[in-house]
N, C-alpha and C. Protein backbone atom coordinates (compact mmCIF):
# COMPACT_ATOMS: atom_id res chain seq x y z
N MET A 1 0.74 -1.17 -0.57
CA MET A 1 -0.11 -0.21 0.19
C MET A 1 1.07 0.71 -0.05
N THR A 2 1.79 1.09 0.76
CA THR A 2 2.97 2.81 1.07
C THR A 2 3.46 2.39 -0.72
N LYS A 3 4.03 1.65 -1.42
CA LYS A 3 4.20 1.47 -2.81
C LYS A 3 3.50 2.35 -3.47
N PHE A 4 2.00 2.20 -3.10
CA PHE A 4 0.72 2.67 -4.23
C PHE A 4 1.00 4.27 -3.90
N ILE A 5 0.96 4.47 -2.40
CA ILE A 5 0.57 5.88 -2.48
C ILE A 5 2.01 6.97 -2.81
N TYR A 6 2.67 5.79 -2.59
CA TYR A 6 4.81 6.86 -2.98
C TYR A 6 4.60 6.77 -4.70
N ALA A 7 4.42 5.67 -5.57
CA ALA A 7 3.70 6.23 -6.86
C ALA A 7 2.79 6.95 -7.25
N THR A 8 2.15 6.88 -7.09
CA THR A 8 0.96 7.43 -7.06
C THR A 8 1.09 9.15 -6.66
N ALA A 9 2.29 9.56 -5.92
CA ALA A 9 2.21 10.98 -5.80
C ALA A 9 3.43 11.07 -6.70
N GLY A 10 4.06 10.08 -6.62
CA GLY A 10 5.18 10.89 -7.56
C GLY A 10 4.67 11.26 -8.83
N ALA A 11 3.59 10.30 -9.73
CA ALA A 11 2.71 10.38 -10.72
C ALA A 11 2.01 12.07 -11.15
N LEU A 12 1.95 12.12 -9.81
CA LEU A 12 0.84 13.16 -10.33
C LEU A 12 1.95 14.58 -9.75
N ALA A 13 3.09 14.99 -9.20
CA ALA A 13 4.92 15.37 -9.10
C ALA A 13 4.83 15.60 -10.59
N ALA A 14 5.05 14.93 -11.61
CA ALA A 14 5.37 14.86 -12.95
C ALA A 14 4.38 15.42 -13.68
N ILE A 15 3.44 14.70 -13.51
CA ILE A 15 2.46 16.17 -14.11
C ILE A 15 2.02 17.39 -13.99
N LEU A 16 2.74 17.73 -12.55
CA LEU A 16 2.02 18.99 -12.13
C LEU A 16 3.34 19.73 -12.82
N ILE A 17 4.73 19.43 -12.61
CA ILE A 17 6.21 19.86 -13.11
C ILE A 17 5.34 19.54 -14.72
N SER A 18 4.92 19.21 -15.52
CA SER A 18 5.07 18.74 -16.61
C SER A 18 3.75 20.45 -17.04
N ALA A 19 3.05 20.43 -16.64
CA ALA A 19 1.91 21.75 -16.71
C ALA A 19 2.45 22.70 -16.53
N SER A 20 3.38 23.41 -15.83
CA SER A 20 3.80 24.25 -14.75
C SER A 20 4.88 24.31 -16.48
N ALA A 21 5.23 23.48 -16.66
CA ALA A 21 7.12 23.64 -18.13
C ALA A 21 5.78 23.87 -19.31
N SER A 22 5.07 23.31 -19.49
CA SER A 22 4.15 23.74 -20.89
C SER A 22 3.46 24.85 -20.58
N GLN A 23 3.51 25.82 -19.91
CA GLN A 23 2.53 27.30 -19.72
C GLN A 23 3.78 28.32 -19.72
N ALA A 24 4.92 27.56 -19.55
CA ALA A 24 5.93 28.96 -19.89
C ALA A 24 5.91 28.79 -21.22
N GLU A 25 6.12 29.11 -21.74
CA GLU A 25 5.77 29.12 -23.24
C GLU A 25 7.34 30.80 -23.67
N ASP A 26 7.63 30.09 -24.99
CA ASP A 26 8.21 31.67 -25.55
C ASP A 26 7.10 32.53 -26.45
N LEU A 27 7.13 33.72 -26.12
CA LEU A 27 6.61 34.53 -26.78
C LEU A 27 7.06 34.97 -27.79
N VAL A 28 6.20 34.92 -29.27
CA VAL A 28 7.27 35.42 -30.40
C VAL A 28 5.84 36.00 -31.39
N PHE A 29 6.85 37.63 -31.62
CA PHE A 29 5.83 38.36 -32.33
C PHE A 29 6.63 39.18 -33.28
N THR A 30 5.95 39.68 -34.05
CA THR A 30 6.77 40.82 -35.02
C THR A 30 6.69 42.12 -34.74
N LEU A 31 8.16 42.68 -34.95
CA LEU A 31 7.98 44.50 -33.95
C LEU A 31 8.27 45.04 -35.83
N THR A 32 6.94 46.21 -35.90
CA THR A 32 7.57 46.99 -37.09
C THR A 32 7.87 48.48 -37.00
N ASN A 33 8.45 48.88 -37.54
CA ASN A 33 9.34 50.61 -36.66
C ASN A 33 8.28 50.66 -38.10
N LYS A 34 7.13 51.58 -38.22
CA LYS A 34 6.43 52.52 -38.82
C LYS A 34 7.06 54.10 -38.67
N THR A 35 8.29 54.10 -37.65
CA THR A 35 8.97 55.29 -37.82
C THR A 35 9.68 56.08 -39.07
N LYS A 36 10.08 57.50 -39.17
CA LYS A 36 11.46 57.65 -39.62
C LYS A 36 12.78 57.87 -38.96
N GLY A 37 12.70 56.76 -37.63
CA GLY A 37 13.81 56.91 -37.08
C GLY A 37 14.67 55.30 -37.17
N THR A 38 15.65 55.66 -36.61
CA THR A 38 16.12 54.09 -36.50
C THR A 38 16.25 53.97 -35.10
N LEU A 39 15.44 52.69 -34.95
CA LEU A 39 15.41 51.80 -33.13
C LEU A 39 16.75 51.39 -33.19
N GLU A 40 17.39 52.23 -32.02
CA GLU A 40 18.43 50.81 -31.40
C GLU A 40 18.48 50.34 -30.77
N ARG A 41 17.79 50.18 -29.53
CA ARG A 41 17.90 49.22 -28.46
C ARG A 41 16.08 49.39 -28.14
N PHE A 42 15.68 47.82 -27.50
CA PHE A 42 14.97 47.18 -27.02
C PHE A 42 14.84 46.57 -26.20
N TYR A 43 14.12 47.09 -25.18
CA TYR A 43 14.10 46.47 -23.88
C TYR A 43 12.51 46.03 -23.68
N THR A 44 12.39 44.74 -22.66
CA THR A 44 11.59 43.91 -22.30
C THR A 44 11.66 43.91 -20.64
N SER A 45 10.34 43.47 -20.06
CA SER A 45 10.59 43.43 -18.72
C SER A 45 8.93 43.17 -18.33
N PRO A 46 8.97 42.25 -17.24
CA PRO A 46 7.62 41.52 -17.06
C PRO A 46 6.83 42.54 -16.68
N VAL A 47 5.25 42.89 -16.27
CA VAL A 47 4.84 44.10 -16.06
C VAL A 47 5.18 44.41 -14.12
N GLY A 48 5.41 45.60 -13.42
CA GLY A 48 5.56 44.85 -12.12
C GLY A 48 7.42 44.67 -11.95
N ILE A 49 8.01 44.30 -12.58
CA ILE A 49 9.86 44.41 -12.15
C ILE A 49 9.94 45.93 -12.90
N ASP A 50 11.00 46.04 -11.30
CA ASP A 50 11.41 46.92 -11.27
C ASP A 50 12.43 47.65 -12.86
N GLU A 51 13.27 46.63 -13.11
CA GLU A 51 13.95 46.78 -13.97
C GLU A 51 14.12 46.09 -15.30
N TRP A 52 14.74 46.24 -16.48
CA TRP A 52 14.81 46.07 -17.80
C TRP A 52 15.48 45.04 -18.31
N GLU A 53 15.53 44.43 -18.52
CA GLU A 53 16.17 43.29 -19.38
C GLU A 53 16.79 43.84 -20.09
N GLU A 54 17.92 42.47 -20.99
CA GLU A 54 18.81 42.77 -21.67
C GLU A 54 18.48 43.28 -23.12
N ASP A 55 19.13 44.68 -23.19
CA ASP A 55 18.65 44.54 -24.83
C ASP A 55 18.42 43.57 -26.08
N VAL A 56 17.32 43.50 -26.30
CA VAL A 56 16.61 42.03 -27.01
C VAL A 56 17.34 42.70 -28.60
N PHE A 57 18.08 43.41 -28.83
CA PHE A 57 18.35 43.49 -30.61
C PHE A 57 19.96 43.41 -30.06
N GLY A 58 20.75 43.64 -29.35
CA GLY A 58 22.35 43.01 -28.97
C GLY A 58 22.51 43.85 -30.36
N ASP A 59 23.34 43.37 -30.91
CA ASP A 59 24.57 44.71 -31.83
C ASP A 59 23.33 44.93 -32.97
N ASP A 60 22.23 44.49 -33.26
CA ASP A 60 21.32 44.80 -34.09
C ASP A 60 20.21 45.99 -33.62
N VAL A 61 19.99 46.69 -35.21
CA VAL A 61 18.97 48.11 -35.46
C VAL A 61 18.19 47.64 -36.03
N LEU A 62 16.74 48.44 -36.43
CA LEU A 62 15.54 48.31 -36.49
C LEU A 62 15.34 49.85 -37.01
N GLY A 63 15.74 49.59 -38.69
CA GLY A 63 15.53 50.85 -38.95
C GLY A 63 14.19 51.05 -39.40
N PRO A 64 14.15 52.15 -39.96
CA PRO A 64 12.10 52.39 -40.68
C PRO A 64 11.79 52.34 -41.53
N GLY A 65 10.58 51.29 -41.98
CA GLY A 65 9.95 50.97 -42.15
C GLY A 65 10.49 49.00 -42.13
N GLU A 66 11.38 48.83 -41.23
CA GLU A 66 11.66 46.96 -41.19
C GLU A 66 11.12 46.36 -40.37
N SER A 67 10.96 45.46 -40.00
CA SER A 67 9.87 44.20 -39.41
C SER A 67 11.18 43.11 -39.11
N ILE A 68 11.05 42.19 -37.40
CA ILE A 68 11.53 41.44 -37.59
C ILE A 68 10.80 40.95 -35.96
N GLU A 69 10.93 39.36 -36.31
CA GLU A 69 9.92 38.83 -35.68
C GLU A 69 10.69 38.85 -34.01
N ILE A 70 10.17 39.38 -32.60
CA ILE A 70 11.17 38.67 -31.75
C ILE A 70 10.71 37.76 -31.00
N THR A 71 11.26 37.03 -29.80
CA THR A 71 11.15 36.18 -29.56
C THR A 71 11.65 36.05 -28.32
N ILE A 72 10.80 35.97 -26.82
CA ILE A 72 11.20 36.36 -25.64
C ILE A 72 11.64 35.36 -24.88
N ALA A 73 12.13 34.09 -24.50
CA ALA A 73 12.02 32.80 -24.40
C ALA A 73 12.68 32.87 -22.49
N ASP A 74 12.39 33.67 -22.17
CA ASP A 74 12.52 34.09 -20.06
C ASP A 74 12.15 32.98 -19.26
N GLY A 75 11.12 31.92 -19.95
CA GLY A 75 10.76 31.24 -18.79
C GLY A 75 9.87 31.31 -17.64
N ARG A 76 9.23 32.56 -18.31
CA ARG A 76 8.35 32.85 -17.29
C ARG A 76 7.03 32.60 -17.66
N ALA A 77 5.75 32.04 -16.89
CA ALA A 77 4.13 32.28 -17.90
C ALA A 77 3.69 33.63 -17.20
N VAL A 78 3.59 34.76 -18.06
CA VAL A 78 3.15 36.00 -17.72
C VAL A 78 3.36 36.17 -19.48
N CYS A 79 2.07 36.98 -19.40
CA CYS A 79 1.69 37.72 -20.85
C CYS A 79 2.14 38.97 -20.78
N LYS A 80 1.90 40.10 -20.11
CA LYS A 80 1.80 41.53 -19.69
C LYS A 80 3.62 42.13 -19.46
N TYR A 81 4.26 42.25 -20.55
CA TYR A 81 5.42 42.99 -20.65
C TYR A 81 5.40 44.52 -20.74
N ASP A 82 6.42 45.26 -20.15
CA ASP A 82 6.72 46.56 -20.50
C ASP A 82 8.02 46.45 -21.54
N MET A 83 7.65 47.87 -22.06
CA MET A 83 8.82 47.53 -23.96
C MET A 83 9.02 48.79 -23.71
N ARG A 84 10.27 49.54 -23.59
CA ARG A 84 11.34 50.95 -23.60
C ARG A 84 11.70 50.16 -25.17
N PHE A 85 11.79 51.40 -26.20
CA PHE A 85 12.03 51.66 -27.39
C PHE A 85 13.07 52.83 -27.51
N GLU A 86 14.41 52.69 -27.69
CA GLU A 86 15.11 54.16 -28.05
C GLU A 86 15.81 53.59 -29.18
N PHE A 87 15.43 55.30 -29.64
CA PHE A 87 15.65 55.35 -30.56
C PHE A 87 17.71 56.04 -30.98
N THR A 88 18.11 55.70 -32.44
CA THR A 88 19.63 56.45 -32.56
C THR A 88 19.59 58.21 -31.96
N GLU A 89 20.63 58.71 -31.50
CA GLU A 89 20.43 60.42 -31.37
C GLU A 89 19.98 61.16 -32.92
N ASP A 90 20.45 60.93 -33.75
CA ASP A 90 20.24 61.38 -34.91
C ASP A 90 19.10 61.11 -35.26
N SER A 91 18.15 60.19 -34.88
CA SER A 91 16.53 60.14 -35.33
C SER A 91 15.73 61.36 -34.94
N ASP A 92 16.11 62.02 -33.91
CA ASP A 92 15.10 63.18 -33.44
C ASP A 92 13.66 62.45 -32.82
N PHE A 93 14.43 62.09 -32.20
CA PHE A 93 12.94 60.81 -31.69
C PHE A 93 12.55 60.60 -30.38
N GLU A 94 12.09 60.86 -29.49
CA GLU A 94 12.20 60.20 -27.85
C GLU A 94 12.10 59.27 -27.46
N ASP A 95 12.67 58.66 -26.19
CA ASP A 95 12.99 57.36 -26.23
C ASP A 95 10.78 56.76 -25.82
N LEU A 96 10.30 56.10 -25.94
CA LEU A 96 9.20 55.51 -26.06
C LEU A 96 8.66 54.51 -25.06
N GLU A 97 7.98 53.90 -24.25
CA GLU A 97 7.27 53.21 -23.48
C GLU A 97 6.20 52.92 -23.56
N ASP A 98 5.86 51.38 -23.04
CA ASP A 98 4.42 51.18 -23.56
C ASP A 98 3.69 49.35 -22.48
N ALA A 99 3.22 49.15 -22.51
CA ALA A 99 2.96 47.86 -21.68
C ALA A 99 1.81 47.14 -23.16
N GLN A 100 2.23 45.80 -23.33
CA GLN A 100 1.15 44.97 -23.69
C GLN A 100 1.12 43.35 -23.05
N ASP A 101 -0.48 43.06 -23.57
CA ASP A 101 -0.30 42.04 -23.45
C ASP A 101 0.34 41.11 -24.04
N LEU A 102 1.21 40.75 -24.10
CA LEU A 102 2.08 39.86 -25.28
C LEU A 102 1.21 38.79 -26.11
N CYS A 103 0.80 37.75 -25.13
CA CYS A 103 0.09 36.72 -25.83
C CYS A 103 -0.38 36.64 -26.25
N GLU A 104 -1.43 38.30 -26.56
CA GLU A 104 -3.07 38.45 -27.51
C GLU A 104 -2.45 38.58 -28.83
N MET A 105 -1.23 39.15 -28.70
CA MET A 105 -0.85 40.11 -30.03
C MET A 105 0.26 39.31 -31.30
N GLY A 106 0.04 38.86 -31.65
CA GLY A 106 1.20 38.61 -32.93
C GLY A 106 1.84 39.59 -33.58
N SER A 107 1.39 41.10 -33.21
CA SER A 107 2.88 42.10 -34.32
C SER A 107 2.27 43.28 -33.38
N TYR A 108 3.16 43.77 -33.31
CA TYR A 108 3.69 45.22 -32.41
C TYR A 108 4.07 46.17 -33.21
N THR A 109 3.34 47.38 -33.93
CA THR A 109 3.18 48.30 -34.79
C THR A 109 4.21 49.78 -33.61
N ILE A 110 5.36 49.73 -34.09
CA ILE A 110 5.60 51.67 -33.37
C ILE A 110 5.53 52.43 -34.20
N THR A 111 4.89 53.29 -34.29
CA THR A 111 4.54 55.20 -34.94
C THR A 111 4.91 56.16 -34.06
N ALA A 112 5.18 56.77 -35.23
CA ALA A 112 5.63 58.45 -34.24
C ALA A 112 3.81 58.95 -34.32
N ARG A 113 4.63 59.66 -32.46
CA ARG A 113 3.41 59.94 -32.20
C ARG A 113 3.47 61.96 -31.56
């Protein structure tokens, strides 16, 4: 009887761990720059976190009219992210911030304000 209880508990734990892991899927969306400026840095962070994650672009930039597929693979099971967009100095655009539910989006377009 004791072996049955341990086996059942072990199976239940495996199911719960598997369910948690499947909820932490990568967030994928297309980012489009519809401004006349060059987007130099793009940061994300789950809503409620006070610090930005690393620059998503790394050494890349996103020029006017360009699009890029973004994957956020941070292992978190959250959908709402703060986003920060920083343009090159010669673009004459102020940095922009926004918050979105990225699970609901297939794309995000930056436009001049």
